[in-house]
Structures are given as C-alpha cells and as structure tokens.
N, C-alpha and C. Protein backbone atom coordinates (compact mmCIF):
# COMPACT_ATOMS: atom_id res chain seq x y z
N UNK A 1 -71.00 -34.53 -67.58
CA UNK A 1 -71.72 -33.48 -66.91
C UNK A 1 -71.68 -32.22 -67.77
N UNK A 2 -72.85 -31.78 -68.20
CA UNK A 2 -72.93 -30.58 -69.02
C UNK A 2 -72.98 -29.33 -68.17
N UNK A 3 -73.04 -28.18 -68.84
CA UNK A 3 -73.13 -26.92 -68.10
C UNK A 3 -74.39 -26.90 -67.24
N UNK A 4 -74.27 -26.30 -66.11
CA UNK A 4 -75.34 -26.30 -65.13
C UNK A 4 -75.52 -24.87 -64.62
N UNK A 5 -76.76 -24.38 -64.59
CA UNK A 5 -77.02 -23.02 -64.12
C UNK A 5 -76.54 -22.81 -62.69
N UNK A 6 -76.78 -23.79 -61.84
CA UNK A 6 -76.39 -23.65 -60.43
C UNK A 6 -74.88 -23.51 -60.29
N UNK A 7 -74.13 -24.25 -61.09
CA UNK A 7 -72.67 -24.18 -61.03
C UNK A 7 -72.21 -22.80 -61.49
N UNK A 8 -72.79 -22.31 -62.57
CA UNK A 8 -72.42 -20.99 -63.06
C UNK A 8 -72.76 -19.92 -62.03
N UNK A 9 -73.91 -20.05 -61.38
CA UNK A 9 -74.30 -19.09 -60.36
C UNK A 9 -73.38 -19.14 -59.15
N UNK A 10 -72.89 -20.34 -58.80
CA UNK A 10 -71.95 -20.46 -57.69
C UNK A 10 -70.67 -19.67 -57.98
N UNK A 11 -70.13 -19.86 -59.18
CA UNK A 11 -68.91 -19.14 -59.54
C UNK A 11 -69.16 -17.64 -59.64
N UNK A 12 -70.30 -17.24 -60.17
CA UNK A 12 -70.63 -15.82 -60.26
C UNK A 12 -70.77 -15.20 -58.88
N UNK A 13 -71.48 -15.88 -58.00
CA UNK A 13 -71.66 -15.37 -56.63
C UNK A 13 -70.32 -15.29 -55.90
N UNK A 14 -69.47 -16.28 -56.12
CA UNK A 14 -68.13 -16.25 -55.51
C UNK A 14 -67.31 -15.07 -56.01
N UNK A 15 -67.40 -14.79 -57.32
CA UNK A 15 -66.67 -13.65 -57.89
C UNK A 15 -67.18 -12.32 -57.35
N UNK A 16 -68.50 -12.18 -57.24
CA UNK A 16 -69.08 -10.94 -56.70
C UNK A 16 -68.69 -10.78 -55.24
N UNK A 17 -68.75 -11.86 -54.47
CA UNK A 17 -68.37 -11.80 -53.07
C UNK A 17 -66.90 -11.43 -52.92
N UNK A 18 -66.05 -12.01 -53.75
CA UNK A 18 -64.62 -11.69 -53.72
C UNK A 18 -64.38 -10.22 -54.08
N UNK A 19 -65.13 -9.70 -55.07
CA UNK A 19 -65.00 -8.29 -55.44
C UNK A 19 -65.31 -7.39 -54.25
N UNK A 20 -66.44 -7.62 -53.59
CA UNK A 20 -66.81 -6.77 -52.46
C UNK A 20 -65.83 -6.92 -51.30
N UNK A 21 -65.38 -8.14 -51.04
CA UNK A 21 -64.42 -8.37 -49.97
C UNK A 21 -63.12 -7.64 -50.24
N UNK A 22 -62.61 -7.75 -51.46
CA UNK A 22 -61.36 -7.08 -51.82
C UNK A 22 -61.53 -5.57 -51.84
N UNK A 23 -62.66 -5.08 -52.32
CA UNK A 23 -62.90 -3.65 -52.37
C UNK A 23 -62.94 -3.05 -50.97
N UNK A 24 -63.68 -3.68 -50.07
CA UNK A 24 -63.78 -3.17 -48.70
C UNK A 24 -62.44 -3.29 -47.98
N UNK A 25 -61.74 -4.40 -48.19
CA UNK A 25 -60.46 -4.59 -47.53
C UNK A 25 -59.43 -3.58 -48.02
N UNK A 26 -59.37 -3.37 -49.34
CA UNK A 26 -58.41 -2.41 -49.89
C UNK A 26 -58.75 -1.00 -49.42
N UNK A 27 -60.01 -0.66 -49.39
CA UNK A 27 -60.43 0.67 -48.93
C UNK A 27 -60.05 0.86 -47.46
N UNK A 28 -60.24 -0.15 -46.66
CA UNK A 28 -59.93 -0.09 -45.24
C UNK A 28 -58.43 0.03 -45.02
N UNK A 29 -57.63 -0.81 -45.71
CA UNK A 29 -56.18 -0.78 -45.53
C UNK A 29 -55.59 0.51 -46.08
N UNK A 30 -56.01 0.91 -47.30
CA UNK A 30 -55.49 2.11 -47.92
C UNK A 30 -55.91 3.35 -47.12
N UNK A 31 -57.04 3.28 -46.46
CA UNK A 31 -57.53 4.39 -45.65
C UNK A 31 -56.64 4.71 -44.46
N UNK A 32 -55.84 3.75 -44.00
CA UNK A 32 -54.92 4.02 -42.92
C UNK A 32 -53.76 4.91 -43.35
N UNK A 33 -53.40 4.86 -44.63
CA UNK A 33 -52.25 5.58 -45.13
C UNK A 33 -52.61 6.90 -45.82
N UNK A 34 -53.80 6.98 -46.40
CA UNK A 34 -54.24 8.17 -47.13
C UNK A 34 -55.61 8.56 -46.60
N UNK A 35 -55.86 9.87 -46.49
CA UNK A 35 -57.14 10.32 -45.95
C UNK A 35 -58.31 9.93 -46.85
N UNK A 36 -58.19 10.12 -48.17
CA UNK A 36 -59.23 9.78 -49.12
C UNK A 36 -58.65 8.83 -50.16
N UNK A 37 -58.80 7.50 -49.96
CA UNK A 37 -58.25 6.55 -50.94
C UNK A 37 -58.98 6.68 -52.28
N UNK A 38 -58.25 6.50 -53.39
CA UNK A 38 -58.87 6.62 -54.72
C UNK A 38 -59.84 5.48 -55.00
N UNK A 39 -61.12 5.78 -55.06
CA UNK A 39 -62.17 4.76 -55.25
C UNK A 39 -62.04 4.05 -56.59
N UNK A 40 -61.69 4.79 -57.64
CA UNK A 40 -61.59 4.19 -58.97
C UNK A 40 -60.50 3.13 -59.01
N UNK A 41 -59.36 3.43 -58.43
CA UNK A 41 -58.26 2.46 -58.43
C UNK A 41 -58.63 1.24 -57.60
N UNK A 42 -59.24 1.47 -56.44
CA UNK A 42 -59.63 0.35 -55.58
C UNK A 42 -60.68 -0.51 -56.27
N UNK A 43 -61.68 0.11 -56.87
CA UNK A 43 -62.74 -0.65 -57.54
C UNK A 43 -62.21 -1.41 -58.74
N UNK A 44 -61.38 -0.74 -59.55
CA UNK A 44 -60.83 -1.39 -60.75
C UNK A 44 -59.91 -2.54 -60.36
N UNK A 45 -59.06 -2.33 -59.37
CA UNK A 45 -58.16 -3.40 -58.93
C UNK A 45 -58.92 -4.58 -58.34
N UNK A 46 -59.93 -4.28 -57.56
CA UNK A 46 -60.74 -5.36 -56.97
C UNK A 46 -61.49 -6.13 -58.05
N UNK A 47 -62.03 -5.41 -59.03
CA UNK A 47 -62.76 -6.07 -60.12
C UNK A 47 -61.81 -6.93 -60.94
N UNK A 48 -60.63 -6.40 -61.25
CA UNK A 48 -59.66 -7.17 -62.04
C UNK A 48 -59.24 -8.44 -61.30
N UNK A 49 -58.98 -8.31 -60.00
CA UNK A 49 -58.59 -9.47 -59.20
C UNK A 49 -59.72 -10.49 -59.12
N UNK A 50 -60.95 -10.01 -58.88
CA UNK A 50 -62.09 -10.92 -58.77
C UNK A 50 -62.35 -11.65 -60.09
N UNK A 51 -62.26 -10.95 -61.20
CA UNK A 51 -62.47 -11.58 -62.51
C UNK A 51 -61.38 -12.60 -62.78
N UNK A 52 -60.13 -12.23 -62.50
CA UNK A 52 -59.01 -13.15 -62.74
C UNK A 52 -59.14 -14.42 -61.90
N UNK A 53 -59.40 -14.26 -60.62
CA UNK A 53 -59.54 -15.43 -59.75
C UNK A 53 -60.77 -16.25 -60.15
N UNK A 54 -61.87 -15.57 -60.49
CA UNK A 54 -63.07 -16.28 -60.92
C UNK A 54 -62.85 -17.12 -62.17
N UNK A 55 -62.16 -16.55 -63.15
CA UNK A 55 -61.90 -17.29 -64.40
C UNK A 55 -60.96 -18.46 -64.14
N UNK A 56 -59.94 -18.23 -63.32
CA UNK A 56 -59.00 -19.32 -63.00
C UNK A 56 -59.73 -20.45 -62.28
N UNK A 57 -60.58 -20.11 -61.32
CA UNK A 57 -61.33 -21.14 -60.59
C UNK A 57 -62.33 -21.85 -61.51
N UNK A 58 -62.98 -21.07 -62.39
CA UNK A 58 -63.98 -21.65 -63.29
C UNK A 58 -63.33 -22.64 -64.26
N UNK A 59 -62.14 -22.35 -64.70
CA UNK A 59 -61.45 -23.23 -65.65
C UNK A 59 -60.72 -24.39 -64.99
N UNK A 60 -60.61 -24.37 -63.68
CA UNK A 60 -59.97 -25.45 -62.96
C UNK A 60 -60.92 -26.65 -62.96
N UNK A 61 -60.48 -27.73 -63.52
CA UNK A 61 -61.33 -28.92 -63.69
C UNK A 61 -61.78 -29.49 -62.34
N UNK A 62 -60.88 -29.52 -61.37
CA UNK A 62 -61.23 -30.07 -60.06
C UNK A 62 -62.31 -29.24 -59.38
N UNK A 63 -62.16 -27.90 -59.41
CA UNK A 63 -63.15 -27.03 -58.78
C UNK A 63 -64.49 -27.10 -59.49
N UNK A 64 -64.46 -27.15 -60.82
CA UNK A 64 -65.71 -27.23 -61.58
C UNK A 64 -66.43 -28.55 -61.29
N UNK A 65 -65.67 -29.63 -61.22
CA UNK A 65 -66.26 -30.93 -60.91
C UNK A 65 -66.84 -30.93 -59.50
N UNK A 66 -66.12 -30.34 -58.55
CA UNK A 66 -66.61 -30.26 -57.18
C UNK A 66 -67.91 -29.45 -57.12
N UNK A 67 -67.95 -28.33 -57.81
CA UNK A 67 -69.16 -27.50 -57.82
C UNK A 67 -70.32 -28.25 -58.47
N UNK A 68 -70.05 -29.00 -59.52
CA UNK A 68 -71.09 -29.78 -60.17
C UNK A 68 -71.62 -30.87 -59.25
N UNK A 69 -70.72 -31.51 -58.49
CA UNK A 69 -71.15 -32.54 -57.55
C UNK A 69 -71.98 -31.94 -56.42
N UNK A 70 -71.60 -30.75 -55.95
CA UNK A 70 -72.38 -30.08 -54.91
C UNK A 70 -73.78 -29.77 -55.42
N UNK A 71 -73.87 -29.25 -56.65
CA UNK A 71 -75.18 -28.94 -57.24
C UNK A 71 -76.01 -30.20 -57.40
N UNK A 72 -75.38 -31.30 -57.81
CA UNK A 72 -76.10 -32.56 -57.97
C UNK A 72 -76.62 -33.07 -56.63
N UNK A 73 -75.81 -32.94 -55.57
CA UNK A 73 -76.25 -33.38 -54.25
C UNK A 73 -77.39 -32.50 -53.73
N UNK A 74 -77.33 -31.19 -54.01
CA UNK A 74 -78.39 -30.31 -53.54
C UNK A 74 -79.72 -30.59 -54.23
N UNK A 75 -79.66 -31.14 -55.44
CA UNK A 75 -80.91 -31.52 -56.12
C UNK A 75 -81.57 -32.70 -55.44
N UNK A 76 -80.79 -33.50 -54.71
CA UNK A 76 -81.33 -34.67 -54.03
C UNK A 76 -81.96 -34.33 -52.67
N UNK A 77 -81.72 -33.13 -52.19
CA UNK A 77 -82.21 -32.74 -50.86
C UNK A 77 -83.73 -32.66 -50.87
N UNK A 78 -84.33 -33.18 -49.83
CA UNK A 78 -85.78 -33.12 -49.66
C UNK A 78 -86.09 -31.85 -48.88
N UNK A 79 -86.41 -30.77 -49.60
CA UNK A 79 -86.67 -29.49 -48.96
C UNK A 79 -88.03 -29.49 -48.29
N UNK A 80 -88.16 -28.83 -47.11
CA UNK A 80 -89.45 -28.80 -46.42
C UNK A 80 -90.47 -27.95 -47.18
N UNK A 81 -91.73 -28.26 -46.96
CA UNK A 81 -92.80 -27.47 -47.59
C UNK A 81 -92.94 -26.14 -46.84
N UNK A 82 -93.72 -25.25 -47.43
CA UNK A 82 -93.94 -23.95 -46.80
C UNK A 82 -94.62 -24.11 -45.44
N UNK A 83 -95.58 -25.03 -45.35
CA UNK A 83 -96.29 -25.25 -44.10
C UNK A 83 -95.35 -25.78 -43.02
N UNK A 84 -94.47 -26.73 -43.38
CA UNK A 84 -93.50 -27.27 -42.42
C UNK A 84 -92.53 -26.18 -41.95
N UNK A 85 -92.11 -25.33 -42.87
CA UNK A 85 -91.19 -24.25 -42.52
C UNK A 85 -91.86 -23.25 -41.57
N UNK A 86 -93.11 -22.91 -41.84
CA UNK A 86 -93.83 -21.99 -40.96
C UNK A 86 -94.01 -22.59 -39.57
N UNK A 87 -94.34 -23.87 -39.50
CA UNK A 87 -94.52 -24.53 -38.20
C UNK A 87 -93.21 -24.55 -37.42
N UNK A 88 -92.12 -24.89 -38.08
CA UNK A 88 -90.82 -24.92 -37.41
C UNK A 88 -90.40 -23.53 -36.96
N UNK A 89 -90.70 -22.52 -37.77
CA UNK A 89 -90.37 -21.14 -37.40
C UNK A 89 -91.14 -20.71 -36.17
N UNK A 90 -92.41 -21.06 -36.10
CA UNK A 90 -93.22 -20.70 -34.94
C UNK A 90 -92.70 -21.39 -33.68
N UNK A 91 -92.28 -22.63 -33.80
CA UNK A 91 -91.71 -23.35 -32.65
C UNK A 91 -90.46 -22.63 -32.17
N UNK A 92 -89.61 -22.20 -33.09
CA UNK A 92 -88.38 -21.49 -32.71
C UNK A 92 -88.72 -20.16 -32.04
N UNK A 93 -89.66 -19.41 -32.60
CA UNK A 93 -90.04 -18.12 -32.02
C UNK A 93 -90.59 -18.29 -30.62
N UNK A 94 -91.49 -19.24 -30.42
CA UNK A 94 -92.07 -19.48 -29.10
C UNK A 94 -90.99 -19.91 -28.11
N UNK A 95 -90.09 -20.80 -28.54
CA UNK A 95 -89.01 -21.26 -27.67
C UNK A 95 -88.10 -20.10 -27.26
N UNK A 96 -87.78 -19.22 -28.19
CA UNK A 96 -86.93 -18.07 -27.89
C UNK A 96 -87.63 -17.13 -26.91
N UNK A 97 -88.92 -16.90 -27.10
CA UNK A 97 -89.66 -16.03 -26.17
C UNK A 97 -89.68 -16.63 -24.77
N UNK A 98 -89.93 -17.92 -24.67
CA UNK A 98 -89.94 -18.58 -23.35
C UNK A 98 -88.57 -18.50 -22.70
N UNK A 99 -87.51 -18.75 -23.48
CA UNK A 99 -86.15 -18.67 -22.93
C UNK A 99 -85.83 -17.24 -22.50
N UNK A 100 -86.27 -16.24 -23.26
CA UNK A 100 -86.02 -14.84 -22.89
C UNK A 100 -86.74 -14.49 -21.59
N UNK A 101 -87.96 -14.96 -21.43
CA UNK A 101 -88.70 -14.69 -20.19
C UNK A 101 -88.00 -15.34 -19.00
N UNK A 102 -87.60 -16.59 -19.15
CA UNK A 102 -86.91 -17.29 -18.06
C UNK A 102 -85.61 -16.59 -17.71
N UNK A 103 -84.81 -16.23 -18.72
CA UNK A 103 -83.55 -15.54 -18.45
C UNK A 103 -83.80 -14.16 -17.84
N UNK A 104 -84.86 -13.49 -18.26
CA UNK A 104 -85.20 -12.20 -17.67
C UNK A 104 -85.57 -12.33 -16.21
N UNK A 105 -86.33 -13.39 -15.88
CA UNK A 105 -86.68 -13.63 -14.48
C UNK A 105 -85.44 -13.92 -13.63
N UNK A 106 -84.55 -14.77 -14.16
CA UNK A 106 -83.31 -15.05 -13.43
C UNK A 106 -82.48 -13.78 -13.25
N UNK A 107 -82.40 -12.97 -14.30
CA UNK A 107 -81.63 -11.73 -14.22
C UNK A 107 -82.23 -10.80 -13.18
N UNK A 108 -83.56 -10.69 -13.18
CA UNK A 108 -84.21 -9.85 -12.16
C UNK A 108 -83.97 -10.37 -10.76
N UNK A 109 -84.04 -11.68 -10.59
CA UNK A 109 -83.81 -12.27 -9.27
C UNK A 109 -82.38 -12.03 -8.80
N UNK A 110 -81.40 -12.28 -9.67
CA UNK A 110 -80.00 -12.06 -9.29
C UNK A 110 -79.72 -10.59 -9.04
N UNK A 111 -80.37 -9.72 -9.80
CA UNK A 111 -80.21 -8.28 -9.59
C UNK A 111 -80.74 -7.89 -8.20
N UNK A 112 -81.90 -8.43 -7.85
CA UNK A 112 -82.48 -8.15 -6.54
C UNK A 112 -81.57 -8.68 -5.42
N UNK A 113 -81.05 -9.92 -5.60
CA UNK A 113 -80.18 -10.52 -4.59
C UNK A 113 -78.91 -9.69 -4.42
N UNK A 114 -78.27 -9.28 -5.51
CA UNK A 114 -77.03 -8.49 -5.39
C UNK A 114 -77.32 -7.11 -4.82
N UNK A 115 -78.47 -6.53 -5.10
CA UNK A 115 -78.83 -5.24 -4.50
C UNK A 115 -79.01 -5.41 -2.99
N UNK A 116 -79.58 -6.52 -2.55
CA UNK A 116 -79.76 -6.77 -1.13
C UNK A 116 -78.42 -6.99 -0.43
N UNK A 117 -77.51 -7.66 -1.10
CA UNK A 117 -76.20 -7.97 -0.49
C UNK A 117 -75.31 -6.73 -0.48
N UNK A 118 -75.19 -6.06 -1.62
CA UNK A 118 -74.22 -4.95 -1.73
C UNK A 118 -74.85 -3.59 -1.51
N UNK A 119 -76.14 -3.52 -1.49
CA UNK A 119 -76.64 -2.29 -1.48
C UNK A 119 -77.48 -1.43 -0.85
C-alpha cells in the first residue's frame, strides 16, 4: 500500500481537530485560575502537542494500516447521485414538516385541555 491522499488528509484533519480541542480546553481550564490566560502559550502548547501526537500516530504502523484500510473501503462505497440525494432530502423535509404540524396540533390540544382543567 503506497501513500494515499485520503490517509494523509485523515491524519492532518485529526491533528487540526486535536489542536483546536486542546487550545479551547486549555483556554477554558486556565481561564478558571487566571483572568486573561496567555494566548501565545496556550496556542504554542496546543500546536506542539497536536504535532507530536499527529507524528506519533502517523508513524504508527497499525494506525497507518487501519487508516489505509478505511480509505480503501470508502472507495468501494456506492455514493448516491445528486438527484437521489435531492429526492431523499425532500422526503426528509416533508416528513419533518408533517411531524411538526402533528406535534403542534397535539400540543395545542393538550394546552387547551390543561387550561380547561386547571384554569
């Protein structure tokens, strides 16, 4: 299995996600102890941690093989066409509108009943 763009993008996306997660978490935790946490230290520490974890995961043979297998399986997926996706989306939208109307009617009825009983 040679290098694969999808595998590289998976590891890159994971590293970026880890950076933002660590940055927000450190800012939130440090914010409890200090009024204005140092952004540079939080950003640099989060970036260093994300890069370190990303490189370790990327060089791990088991994780790289797993990511390659996931990418290979996703290539086998039969993705729906644009027309099929639009049709399915319209079905979902209509179903949600019908369900909202029914629930609204039930809510109005129960509201009227409770007003008659209690009020």
